All heavy atoms as atom14 arrays in JSON, in Angstrom:
{
  "sequence": "YEGAKIKTPLLRPSDGCVSRNFSAERCLSRIYSVLTWYRENWSFIEK",
  "atom14_mask": [
    [1, 1, 1, 1, 1, 1, 1, 1, 1, 1, 1, 1, 0, 0],
    [1, 1, 1, 1, 1, 1, 1, 1, 1, 0, 0, 0, 0, 0],
    [1, 1, 1, 1, 0, 0, 0, 0, 0, 0, 0, 0, 0, 0],
    [1, 1, 1, 1, 1, 0, 0, 0, 0, 0, 0, 0, 0, 0],
    [1, 1, 1, 1, 1, 1, 1, 1, 1, 0, 0, 0, 0, 0],
    [1, 1, 1, 1, 1, 1, 1, 1, 0, 0, 0, 0, 0, 0],
    [1, 1, 1, 1, 1, 1, 1, 1, 1, 0, 0, 0, 0, 0],
    [1, 1, 1, 1, 1, 1, 1, 0, 0, 0, 0, 0, 0, 0],
    [1, 1, 1, 1, 1, 1, 1, 0, 0, 0, 0, 0, 0, 0],
    [1, 1, 1, 1, 1, 1, 1, 1, 0, 0, 0, 0, 0, 0],
    [1, 1, 1, 1, 1, 1, 1, 1, 0, 0, 0, 0, 0, 0],
    [1, 1, 1, 1, 1, 1, 1, 1, 1, 1, 1, 0, 0, 0],
    [1, 1, 1, 1, 1, 1, 1, 0, 0, 0, 0, 0, 0, 0],
    [1, 1, 1, 1, 1, 1, 0, 0, 0, 0, 0, 0, 0, 0],
    [1, 1, 1, 1, 1, 1, 1, 1, 0, 0, 0, 0, 0, 0],
    [1, 1, 1, 1, 0, 0, 0, 0, 0, 0, 0, 0, 0, 0],
    [1, 1, 1, 1, 1, 1, 0, 0, 0, 0, 0, 0, 0, 0],
    [1, 1, 1, 1, 1, 1, 1, 0, 0, 0, 0, 0, 0, 0],
    [1, 1, 1, 1, 1, 1, 0, 0, 0, 0, 0, 0, 0, 0],
    [1, 1, 1, 1, 1, 1, 1, 1, 1, 1, 1, 0, 0, 0],
    [1, 1, 1, 1, 1, 1, 1, 1, 0, 0, 0, 0, 0, 0],
    [1, 1, 1, 1, 1, 1, 1, 1, 1, 1, 1, 0, 0, 0],
    [1, 1, 1, 1, 1, 1, 0, 0, 0, 0, 0, 0, 0, 0],
    [1, 1, 1, 1, 1, 0, 0, 0, 0, 0, 0, 0, 0, 0],
    [1, 1, 1, 1, 1, 1, 1, 1, 1, 0, 0, 0, 0, 0],
    [1, 1, 1, 1, 1, 1, 1, 1, 1, 1, 1, 0, 0, 0],
    [1, 1, 1, 1, 1, 1, 0, 0, 0, 0, 0, 0, 0, 0],
    [1, 1, 1, 1, 1, 1, 1, 1, 0, 0, 0, 0, 0, 0],
    [1, 1, 1, 1, 1, 1, 0, 0, 0, 0, 0, 0, 0, 0],
    [1, 1, 1, 1, 1, 1, 1, 1, 1, 1, 1, 0, 0, 0],
    [1, 1, 1, 1, 1, 1, 1, 1, 0, 0, 0, 0, 0, 0],
    [1, 1, 1, 1, 1, 1, 1, 1, 1, 1, 1, 1, 0, 0],
    [1, 1, 1, 1, 1, 1, 0, 0, 0, 0, 0, 0, 0, 0],
    [1, 1, 1, 1, 1, 1, 1, 0, 0, 0, 0, 0, 0, 0],
    [1, 1, 1, 1, 1, 1, 1, 1, 0, 0, 0, 0, 0, 0],
    [1, 1, 1, 1, 1, 1, 1, 0, 0, 0, 0, 0, 0, 0],
    [1, 1, 1, 1, 1, 1, 1, 1, 1, 1, 1, 1, 1, 1],
    [1, 1, 1, 1, 1, 1, 1, 1, 1, 1, 1, 1, 0, 0],
    [1, 1, 1, 1, 1, 1, 1, 1, 1, 1, 1, 0, 0, 0],
    [1, 1, 1, 1, 1, 1, 1, 1, 1, 0, 0, 0, 0, 0],
    [1, 1, 1, 1, 1, 1, 1, 1, 0, 0, 0, 0, 0, 0],
    [1, 1, 1, 1, 1, 1, 1, 1, 1, 1, 1, 1, 1, 1],
    [1, 1, 1, 1, 1, 1, 0, 0, 0, 0, 0, 0, 0, 0],
    [1, 1, 1, 1, 1, 1, 1, 1, 1, 1, 1, 0, 0, 0],
    [1, 1, 1, 1, 1, 1, 1, 1, 0, 0, 0, 0, 0, 0],
    [1, 1, 1, 1, 1, 1, 1, 1, 1, 0, 0, 0, 0, 0],
    [1, 1, 1, 1, 1, 1, 1, 1, 1, 0, 0, 0, 0, 0]
  ],
  "atom14_positions": [
    [[4.57, -46.32, -50.33], [6.01, -46.54, -50.33], [6.38, -47.95, -50.79], [7.45, -48.45, -50.48], [6.57, -46.29, -48.92], [6.43, -44.85, -48.49], [5.47, -44.48, -47.56], [7.25, -43.86, -49.03], [5.33, -43.16, -47.16], [7.12, -42.54, -48.64], [6.14, -42.19, -47.7], [6.01, -40.89, -47.33], [0.0, 0.0, 0.0], [0.0, 0.0, 0.0]],
    [[5.49, -48.56, -51.55], [5.72, -49.93, -51.99], [7.03, -50.06, -52.76], [7.79, -51.01, -52.58], [4.55, -50.38, -52.87], [4.55, -51.87, -53.19], [4.28, -52.73, -51.96], [3.59, -52.28, -51.05], [4.81, -53.85, -51.94], [0.0, 0.0, 0.0], [0.0, 0.0, 0.0], [0.0, 0.0, 0.0], [0.0, 0.0, 0.0], [0.0, 0.0, 0.0]],
    [[7.33, -49.09, -53.62], [8.54, -49.16, -54.43], [9.81, -48.87, -53.67], [10.9, -49.24, -54.11], [0.0, 0.0, 0.0], [0.0, 0.0, 0.0], [0.0, 0.0, 0.0], [0.0, 0.0, 0.0], [0.0, 0.0, 0.0], [0.0, 0.0, 0.0], [0.0, 0.0, 0.0], [0.0, 0.0, 0.0], [0.0, 0.0, 0.0], [0.0, 0.0, 0.0]],
    [[9.68, -48.21, -52.53], [10.87, -47.83, -51.76], [11.26, -48.85, -50.71], [12.38, -48.85, -50.21], [10.62, -46.48, -51.08], [0.0, 0.0, 0.0], [0.0, 0.0, 0.0], [0.0, 0.0, 0.0], [0.0, 0.0, 0.0], [0.0, 0.0, 0.0], [0.0, 0.0, 0.0], [0.0, 0.0, 0.0], [0.0, 0.0, 0.0], [0.0, 0.0, 0.0]],
    [[10.35, -49.75, -50.38], [10.63, -50.72, -49.32], [11.76, -51.66, -49.71], [11.91, -52.03, -50.87], [9.37, -51.55, -49.0], [8.32, -50.77, -48.24], [7.2, -51.66, -47.72], [6.53, -52.44, -48.83], [5.34, -53.16, -48.35], [0.0, 0.0, 0.0], [0.0, 0.0, 0.0], [0.0, 0.0, 0.0], [0.0, 0.0, 0.0], [0.0, 0.0, 0.0]],
    [[12.53, -52.07, -48.71], [13.58, -53.06, -48.95], [12.99, -54.46, -48.84], [11.91, -54.65, -48.27], [14.75, -52.89, -47.96], [14.29, -53.26, -46.54], [15.33, -51.5, -48.01], [15.43, -53.49, -45.58], [0.0, 0.0, 0.0], [0.0, 0.0, 0.0], [0.0, 0.0, 0.0], [0.0, 0.0, 0.0], [0.0, 0.0, 0.0], [0.0, 0.0, 0.0]],
    [[13.71, -55.42, -49.4], [13.24, -56.8, -49.34], [13.77, -57.48, -48.09], [14.97, -57.45, -47.82], [13.71, -57.57, -50.59], [13.05, -57.08, -51.87], [13.51, -57.91, -53.06], [12.83, -57.44, -54.34], [13.27, -58.24, -55.52], [0.0, 0.0, 0.0], [0.0, 0.0, 0.0], [0.0, 0.0, 0.0], [0.0, 0.0, 0.0], [0.0, 0.0, 0.0]],
    [[12.86, -58.08, -47.34], [13.23, -58.92, -46.2], [12.53, -60.26, -46.38], [11.6, -60.37, -47.18], [12.83, -58.26, -44.86], [11.39, -58.15, -44.81], [13.45, -56.89, -44.7], [0.0, 0.0, 0.0], [0.0, 0.0, 0.0], [0.0, 0.0, 0.0], [0.0, 0.0, 0.0], [0.0, 0.0, 0.0], [0.0, 0.0, 0.0], [0.0, 0.0, 0.0]],
    [[12.96, -61.3, -45.66], [12.43, -62.65, -45.91], [10.91, -62.75, -45.74], [10.34, -62.17, -44.82], [13.16, -63.49, -44.86], [14.42, -62.76, -44.6], [14.06, -61.31, -44.68], [0.0, 0.0, 0.0], [0.0, 0.0, 0.0], [0.0, 0.0, 0.0], [0.0, 0.0, 0.0], [0.0, 0.0, 0.0], [0.0, 0.0, 0.0], [0.0, 0.0, 0.0]],
    [[10.29, -63.5, -46.64], [8.85, -63.78, -46.6], [8.65, -65.28, -46.79], [9.56, -66.0, -47.19], [8.13, -63.02, -47.71], [8.13, -61.49, -47.64], [7.63, -60.91, -48.96], [7.28, -61.0, -46.49], [0.0, 0.0, 0.0], [0.0, 0.0, 0.0], [0.0, 0.0, 0.0], [0.0, 0.0, 0.0], [0.0, 0.0, 0.0], [0.0, 0.0, 0.0]],
    [[7.44, -65.76, -46.51], [7.09, -67.13, -46.86], [6.65, -67.14, -48.31], [5.85, -66.3, -48.73], [5.96, -67.64, -45.96], [6.29, -67.79, -44.48], [5.09, -68.39, -43.73], [7.52, -68.67, -44.27], [0.0, 0.0, 0.0], [0.0, 0.0, 0.0], [0.0, 0.0, 0.0], [0.0, 0.0, 0.0], [0.0, 0.0, 0.0], [0.0, 0.0, 0.0]],
    [[7.17, -68.1, -49.08], [6.88, -68.18, -50.51], [5.96, -69.36, -50.79], [5.93, -70.33, -50.02], [8.19, -68.37, -51.28], [9.25, -67.32, -50.98], [10.63, -67.8, -51.35], [10.98, -69.05, -50.67], [12.21, -69.56, -50.63], [13.19, -68.94, -51.24], [12.44, -70.69, -50.0], [0.0, 0.0, 0.0], [0.0, 0.0, 0.0], [0.0, 0.0, 0.0]],
    [[5.21, -69.32, -51.88], [4.35, -70.45, -52.22], [5.12, -71.77, -52.33], [4.58, -72.83, -52.04], [3.76, -70.05, -53.58], [3.76, -68.56, -53.54], [5.01, -68.17, -52.79], [0.0, 0.0, 0.0], [0.0, 0.0, 0.0], [0.0, 0.0, 0.0], [0.0, 0.0, 0.0], [0.0, 0.0, 0.0], [0.0, 0.0, 0.0], [0.0, 0.0, 0.0]],
    [[6.39, -71.7, -52.7], [7.2, -72.92, -52.85], [7.68, -73.5, -51.52], [8.29, -74.57, -51.5], [8.42, -72.63, -53.74], [9.23, -71.62, -53.15], [0.0, 0.0, 0.0], [0.0, 0.0, 0.0], [0.0, 0.0, 0.0], [0.0, 0.0, 0.0], [0.0, 0.0, 0.0], [0.0, 0.0, 0.0], [0.0, 0.0, 0.0], [0.0, 0.0, 0.0]],
    [[7.4, -72.82, -50.41], [7.89, -73.28, -49.11], [7.03, -74.37, -48.5], [7.32, -74.86, -47.4], [7.97, -72.11, -48.12], [9.06, -71.13, -48.5], [10.09, -71.57, -49.05], [8.89, -69.92, -48.25], [0.0, 0.0, 0.0], [0.0, 0.0, 0.0], [0.0, 0.0, 0.0], [0.0, 0.0, 0.0], [0.0, 0.0, 0.0], [0.0, 0.0, 0.0]],
    [[5.95, -74.76, -49.17], [5.1, -75.83, -48.65], [4.08, -75.35, -47.64], [3.38, -76.17, -47.05], [0.0, 0.0, 0.0], [0.0, 0.0, 0.0], [0.0, 0.0, 0.0], [0.0, 0.0, 0.0], [0.0, 0.0, 0.0], [0.0, 0.0, 0.0], [0.0, 0.0, 0.0], [0.0, 0.0, 0.0], [0.0, 0.0, 0.0], [0.0, 0.0, 0.0]],
    [[3.97, -74.04, -47.43], [3.01, -73.51, -46.44], [1.69, -73.08, -47.07], [0.68, -73.02, -46.38], [3.61, -72.31, -45.72], [5.05, -72.67, -44.7], [0.0, 0.0, 0.0], [0.0, 0.0, 0.0], [0.0, 0.0, 0.0], [0.0, 0.0, 0.0], [0.0, 0.0, 0.0], [0.0, 0.0, 0.0], [0.0, 0.0, 0.0], [0.0, 0.0, 0.0]],
    [[1.71, -72.73, -48.33], [0.54, -72.08, -48.91], [0.11, -72.7, -50.24], [-0.75, -72.16, -50.92], [0.82, -70.59, -49.12], [0.96, -69.87, -47.8], [2.07, -70.38, -49.96], [0.0, 0.0, 0.0], [0.0, 0.0, 0.0], [0.0, 0.0, 0.0], [0.0, 0.0, 0.0], [0.0, 0.0, 0.0], [0.0, 0.0, 0.0], [0.0, 0.0, 0.0]],
    [[0.68, -73.8, -50.63], [0.35, -74.4, -51.91], [-0.36, -75.73, -51.72], [-0.45, -76.25, -50.61], [1.62, -74.59, -52.76], [2.53, -75.4, -52.05], [0.0, 0.0, 0.0], [0.0, 0.0, 0.0], [0.0, 0.0, 0.0], [0.0, 0.0, 0.0], [0.0, 0.0, 0.0], [0.0, 0.0, 0.0], [0.0, 0.0, 0.0], [0.0, 0.0, 0.0]],
    [[-0.81, -76.28, -52.81], [-1.56, -77.54, -52.71], [-0.68, -78.71, -52.29], [-1.18, -79.68, -51.73], [-2.22, -77.84, -54.06], [-3.35, -76.87, -54.38], [-4.02, -77.22, -55.69], [-5.07, -76.26, -56.01], [-5.78, -76.29, -57.11], [-5.56, -77.22, -58.02], [-6.72, -75.39, -57.32], [0.0, 0.0, 0.0], [0.0, 0.0, 0.0], [0.0, 0.0, 0.0]],
    [[0.6, -78.62, -52.56], [1.51, -79.68, -52.1], [2.02, -79.33, -50.71], [3.22, -79.27, -50.46], [2.67, -79.87, -53.08], [3.49, -78.6, -53.26], [3.01, -77.51, -53.0], [4.73, -78.76, -53.71], [0.0, 0.0, 0.0], [0.0, 0.0, 0.0], [0.0, 0.0, 0.0], [0.0, 0.0, 0.0], [0.0, 0.0, 0.0], [0.0, 0.0, 0.0]],
    [[1.09, -79.08, -49.79], [1.42, -78.64, -48.44], [2.31, -79.68, -47.76], [2.03, -80.87, -47.76], [0.13, -78.45, -47.62], [0.35, -77.8, -46.29], [0.3, -76.42, -46.16], [0.61, -78.56, -45.17], [0.49, -75.82, -44.93], [0.81, -77.96, -43.94], [0.75, -76.6, -43.82], [0.0, 0.0, 0.0], [0.0, 0.0, 0.0], [0.0, 0.0, 0.0]],
    [[3.4, -79.19, -47.17], [4.35, -80.06, -46.45], [4.59, -79.46, -45.08], [5.22, -78.41, -44.96], [5.67, -80.18, -47.22], [6.66, -80.78, -46.41], [0.0, 0.0, 0.0], [0.0, 0.0, 0.0], [0.0, 0.0, 0.0], [0.0, 0.0, 0.0], [0.0, 0.0, 0.0], [0.0, 0.0, 0.0], [0.0, 0.0, 0.0], [0.0, 0.0, 0.0]],
    [[4.09, -80.12, -44.03], [4.23, -79.59, -42.68], [5.7, -79.43, -42.3], [6.11, -78.4, -41.74], [3.52, -80.49, -41.68], [0.0, 0.0, 0.0], [0.0, 0.0, 0.0], [0.0, 0.0, 0.0], [0.0, 0.0, 0.0], [0.0, 0.0, 0.0], [0.0, 0.0, 0.0], [0.0, 0.0, 0.0], [0.0, 0.0, 0.0], [0.0, 0.0, 0.0]],
    [[6.52, -80.43, -42.61], [7.93, -80.37, -42.23], [8.66, -79.23, -42.94], [9.4, -78.47, -42.32], [8.61, -81.71, -42.55], [10.06, -81.76, -42.1], [10.7, -83.12, -42.34], [9.98, -84.05, -42.77], [11.9, -83.25, -42.11], [0.0, 0.0, 0.0], [0.0, 0.0, 0.0], [0.0, 0.0, 0.0], [0.0, 0.0, 0.0], [0.0, 0.0, 0.0]],
    [[8.46, -79.14, -44.25], [9.13, -78.07, -45.01], [8.62, -76.69, -44.59], [9.4, -75.74, -44.47], [8.9, -78.29, -46.51], [9.79, -77.41, -47.39], [9.82, -77.89, -48.81], [8.63, -77.53, -49.57], [7.72, -78.39, -49.98], [7.85, -79.68, -49.72], [6.66, -78.0, -50.68], [0.0, 0.0, 0.0], [0.0, 0.0, 0.0], [0.0, 0.0, 0.0]],
    [[7.32, -76.59, -44.34], [6.73, -75.33, -43.93], [7.26, -74.89, -42.57], [7.66, -73.74, -42.4], [5.2, -75.47, -43.88], [4.34, -73.99, -43.31], [0.0, 0.0, 0.0], [0.0, 0.0, 0.0], [0.0, 0.0, 0.0], [0.0, 0.0, 0.0], [0.0, 0.0, 0.0], [0.0, 0.0, 0.0], [0.0, 0.0, 0.0], [0.0, 0.0, 0.0]],
    [[7.29, -75.8, -41.59], [7.78, -75.46, -40.26], [9.24, -75.03, -40.31], [9.66, -74.09, -39.62], [7.61, -76.65, -39.32], [6.19, -76.99, -38.9], [6.17, -78.25, -38.05], [5.54, -75.84, -38.13], [0.0, 0.0, 0.0], [0.0, 0.0, 0.0], [0.0, 0.0, 0.0], [0.0, 0.0, 0.0], [0.0, 0.0, 0.0], [0.0, 0.0, 0.0]],
    [[10.02, -75.71, -41.13], [11.44, -75.37, -41.26], [11.61, -73.97, -41.82], [12.47, -73.2, -41.36], [12.14, -76.4, -42.16], [13.51, -76.08, -42.3], [0.0, 0.0, 0.0], [0.0, 0.0, 0.0], [0.0, 0.0, 0.0], [0.0, 0.0, 0.0], [0.0, 0.0, 0.0], [0.0, 0.0, 0.0], [0.0, 0.0, 0.0], [0.0, 0.0, 0.0]],
    [[10.8, -73.62, -42.81], [10.89, -72.28, -43.41], [10.42, -71.21, -42.42], [11.04, -70.15, -42.32], [10.05, -72.23, -44.69], [10.01, -70.85, -45.35], [11.36, -70.41, -45.87], [11.26, -69.09, -46.51], [12.29, -68.45, -47.04], [13.5, -68.98, -47.02], [12.11, -67.27, -47.6], [0.0, 0.0, 0.0], [0.0, 0.0, 0.0], [0.0, 0.0, 0.0]],
    [[9.32, -71.47, -41.72], [8.85, -70.51, -40.72], [9.95, -70.28, -39.68], [10.22, -69.14, -39.29], [7.56, -71.02, -40.03], [6.39, -70.99, -41.02], [7.23, -70.17, -38.81], [5.11, -71.61, -40.48], [0.0, 0.0, 0.0], [0.0, 0.0, 0.0], [0.0, 0.0, 0.0], [0.0, 0.0, 0.0], [0.0, 0.0, 0.0], [0.0, 0.0, 0.0]],
    [[10.59, -71.36, -39.26], [11.66, -71.26, -38.26], [12.81, -70.39, -38.79], [13.31, -69.52, -38.08], [12.16, -72.65, -37.9], [13.2, -72.66, -36.8], [12.82, -72.7, -35.47], [14.55, -72.63, -37.11], [13.78, -72.71, -34.46], [15.51, -72.63, -36.11], [15.12, -72.68, -34.79], [16.08, -72.67, -33.8], [0.0, 0.0, 0.0], [0.0, 0.0, 0.0]],
    [[13.22, -70.62, -40.02], [14.34, -69.88, -40.6], [14.02, -68.4, -40.76], [14.83, -67.53, -40.43], [14.73, -70.48, -41.95], [15.15, -71.82, -41.81], [0.0, 0.0, 0.0], [0.0, 0.0, 0.0], [0.0, 0.0, 0.0], [0.0, 0.0, 0.0], [0.0, 0.0, 0.0], [0.0, 0.0, 0.0], [0.0, 0.0, 0.0], [0.0, 0.0, 0.0]],
    [[12.82, -68.11, -41.27], [12.43, -66.72, -41.49], [12.26, -65.99, -40.16], [12.71, -64.85, -40.0], [11.14, -66.65, -42.33], [10.6, -65.23, -42.38], [11.4, -67.16, -43.75], [0.0, 0.0, 0.0], [0.0, 0.0, 0.0], [0.0, 0.0, 0.0], [0.0, 0.0, 0.0], [0.0, 0.0, 0.0], [0.0, 0.0, 0.0], [0.0, 0.0, 0.0]],
    [[11.61, -66.65, -39.21], [11.41, -66.02, -37.91], [12.75, -65.77, -37.21], [12.93, -64.76, -36.53], [10.52, -66.92, -37.04], [10.07, -66.36, -35.68], [9.36, -65.02, -35.86], [9.16, -67.35, -34.98], [0.0, 0.0, 0.0], [0.0, 0.0, 0.0], [0.0, 0.0, 0.0], [0.0, 0.0, 0.0], [0.0, 0.0, 0.0], [0.0, 0.0, 0.0]],
    [[13.71, -66.68, -37.4], [15.05, -66.48, -36.85], [15.69, -65.23, -37.41], [16.34, -64.46, -36.68], [15.94, -67.71, -37.15], [15.4, -68.86, -36.49], [17.37, -67.48, -36.67], [0.0, 0.0, 0.0], [0.0, 0.0, 0.0], [0.0, 0.0, 0.0], [0.0, 0.0, 0.0], [0.0, 0.0, 0.0], [0.0, 0.0, 0.0], [0.0, 0.0, 0.0]],
    [[15.51, -64.99, -38.71], [16.08, -63.78, -39.32], [15.53, -62.52, -38.65], [16.28, -61.6, -38.31], [15.79, -63.74, -40.81], [16.45, -62.59, -41.51], [17.66, -62.58, -42.14], [15.95, -61.23, -41.61], [17.95, -61.32, -42.63], [16.92, -60.47, -42.32], [14.79, -60.6, -41.18], [16.75, -59.12, -42.6], [14.62, -59.24, -41.45], [15.59, -58.52, -42.15]],
    [[14.22, -62.47, -38.46], [13.62, -61.27, -37.86], [14.08, -61.1, -36.41], [14.31, -59.97, -35.97], [12.09, -61.34, -37.94], [11.59, -61.03, -39.33], [11.29, -62.04, -40.23], [11.46, -59.71, -39.75], [10.87, -61.76, -41.52], [11.03, -59.41, -41.04], [10.74, -60.45, -41.92], [10.33, -60.15, -43.21], [0.0, 0.0, 0.0], [0.0, 0.0, 0.0]],
    [[14.22, -62.18, -35.69], [14.68, -62.04, -34.31], [16.14, -61.59, -34.25], [16.52, -60.76, -33.43], [14.51, -63.35, -33.55], [14.76, -63.17, -32.05], [14.35, -64.36, -31.23], [14.4, -64.0, -29.82], [15.5, -63.93, -29.1], [16.67, -64.2, -29.65], [15.46, -63.59, -27.81], [0.0, 0.0, 0.0], [0.0, 0.0, 0.0], [0.0, 0.0, 0.0]],
    [[16.96, -62.13, -35.14], [18.38, -61.75, -35.14], [18.59, -60.3, -35.57], [19.59, -59.68, -35.19], [19.16, -62.68, -36.08], [19.31, -64.1, -35.54], [20.04, -65.01, -36.51], [20.19, -64.62, -37.68], [20.45, -66.11, -36.08], [0.0, 0.0, 0.0], [0.0, 0.0, 0.0], [0.0, 0.0, 0.0], [0.0, 0.0, 0.0], [0.0, 0.0, 0.0]],
    [[17.66, -59.75, -36.34], [17.78, -58.36, -36.79], [16.86, -57.41, -36.02], [16.69, -56.26, -36.42], [17.46, -58.27, -38.29], [18.55, -58.88, -39.16], [19.56, -58.26, -39.44], [18.35, -60.14, -39.55], [0.0, 0.0, 0.0], [0.0, 0.0, 0.0], [0.0, 0.0, 0.0], [0.0, 0.0, 0.0], [0.0, 0.0, 0.0], [0.0, 0.0, 0.0]],
    [[16.31, -57.89, -34.92], [15.37, -57.09, -34.14], [16.05, -55.9, -33.48], [15.39, -54.91, -33.13], [14.68, -57.96, -33.1], [13.46, -57.32, -32.51], [13.24, -56.98, -31.2], [12.27, -56.95, -33.21], [12.0, -56.42, -31.04], [11.37, -56.39, -32.27], [11.86, -57.03, -34.54], [10.11, -55.91, -32.62], [10.61, -56.56, -34.9], [9.75, -56.02, -33.93]],
    [[17.37, -55.96, -33.32], [18.09, -54.84, -32.7], [17.9, -53.55, -33.52], [17.95, -52.45, -32.97], [19.58, -55.17, -32.59], [20.13, -55.45, -33.87], [0.0, 0.0, 0.0], [0.0, 0.0, 0.0], [0.0, 0.0, 0.0], [0.0, 0.0, 0.0], [0.0, 0.0, 0.0], [0.0, 0.0, 0.0], [0.0, 0.0, 0.0], [0.0, 0.0, 0.0]],
    [[17.67, -53.69, -34.83], [17.41, -52.52, -35.67], [16.14, -51.8, -35.19], [16.09, -50.57, -35.14], [17.25, -52.96, -37.13], [17.31, -51.84, -38.11], [18.49, -51.54, -38.78], [16.19, -51.05, -38.38], [18.56, -50.49, -39.69], [16.24, -50.01, -39.29], [17.44, -49.73, -39.95], [0.0, 0.0, 0.0], [0.0, 0.0, 0.0], [0.0, 0.0, 0.0]],
    [[15.12, -52.58, -34.83], [13.86, -52.01, -34.35], [14.02, -51.46, -32.94], [13.43, -50.42, -32.6], [12.74, -53.08, -34.38], [12.61, -53.69, -35.79], [11.42, -52.49, -33.93], [12.23, -52.69, -36.87], [0.0, 0.0, 0.0], [0.0, 0.0, 0.0], [0.0, 0.0, 0.0], [0.0, 0.0, 0.0], [0.0, 0.0, 0.0], [0.0, 0.0, 0.0]],
    [[14.82, -52.12, -32.14], [15.0, -51.69, -30.74], [15.59, -50.28, -30.65], [15.41, -49.6, -29.63], [15.89, -52.68, -30.0], [15.22, -54.03, -29.77], [16.13, -55.04, -29.09], [17.26, -55.24, -29.6], [15.73, -55.61, -28.07], [0.0, 0.0, 0.0], [0.0, 0.0, 0.0], [0.0, 0.0, 0.0], [0.0, 0.0, 0.0], [0.0, 0.0, 0.0]],
    [[16.26, -49.84, -31.69], [16.89, -48.51, -31.68], [15.95, -47.39, -32.13], [16.36, -46.23, -32.16], [18.12, -48.52, -32.59], [19.2, -49.51, -32.17], [20.3, -49.58, -33.22], [21.34, -50.63, -32.85], [22.39, -50.77, -33.9], [0.0, 0.0, 0.0], [0.0, 0.0, 0.0], [0.0, 0.0, 0.0], [0.0, 0.0, 0.0], [0.0, 0.0, 0.0]]
  ]
}
């Protein structure tokens, strides 16, 4: 179902988490933002 899946936030190479220009501050901020999205939309799963 790869083609049918919807897009939801992911960590990207440009976020400083997975590239050679690793940035702890930028990476933590992105993890925080993405994780916040999943928690705010968790009610969809709860149903």
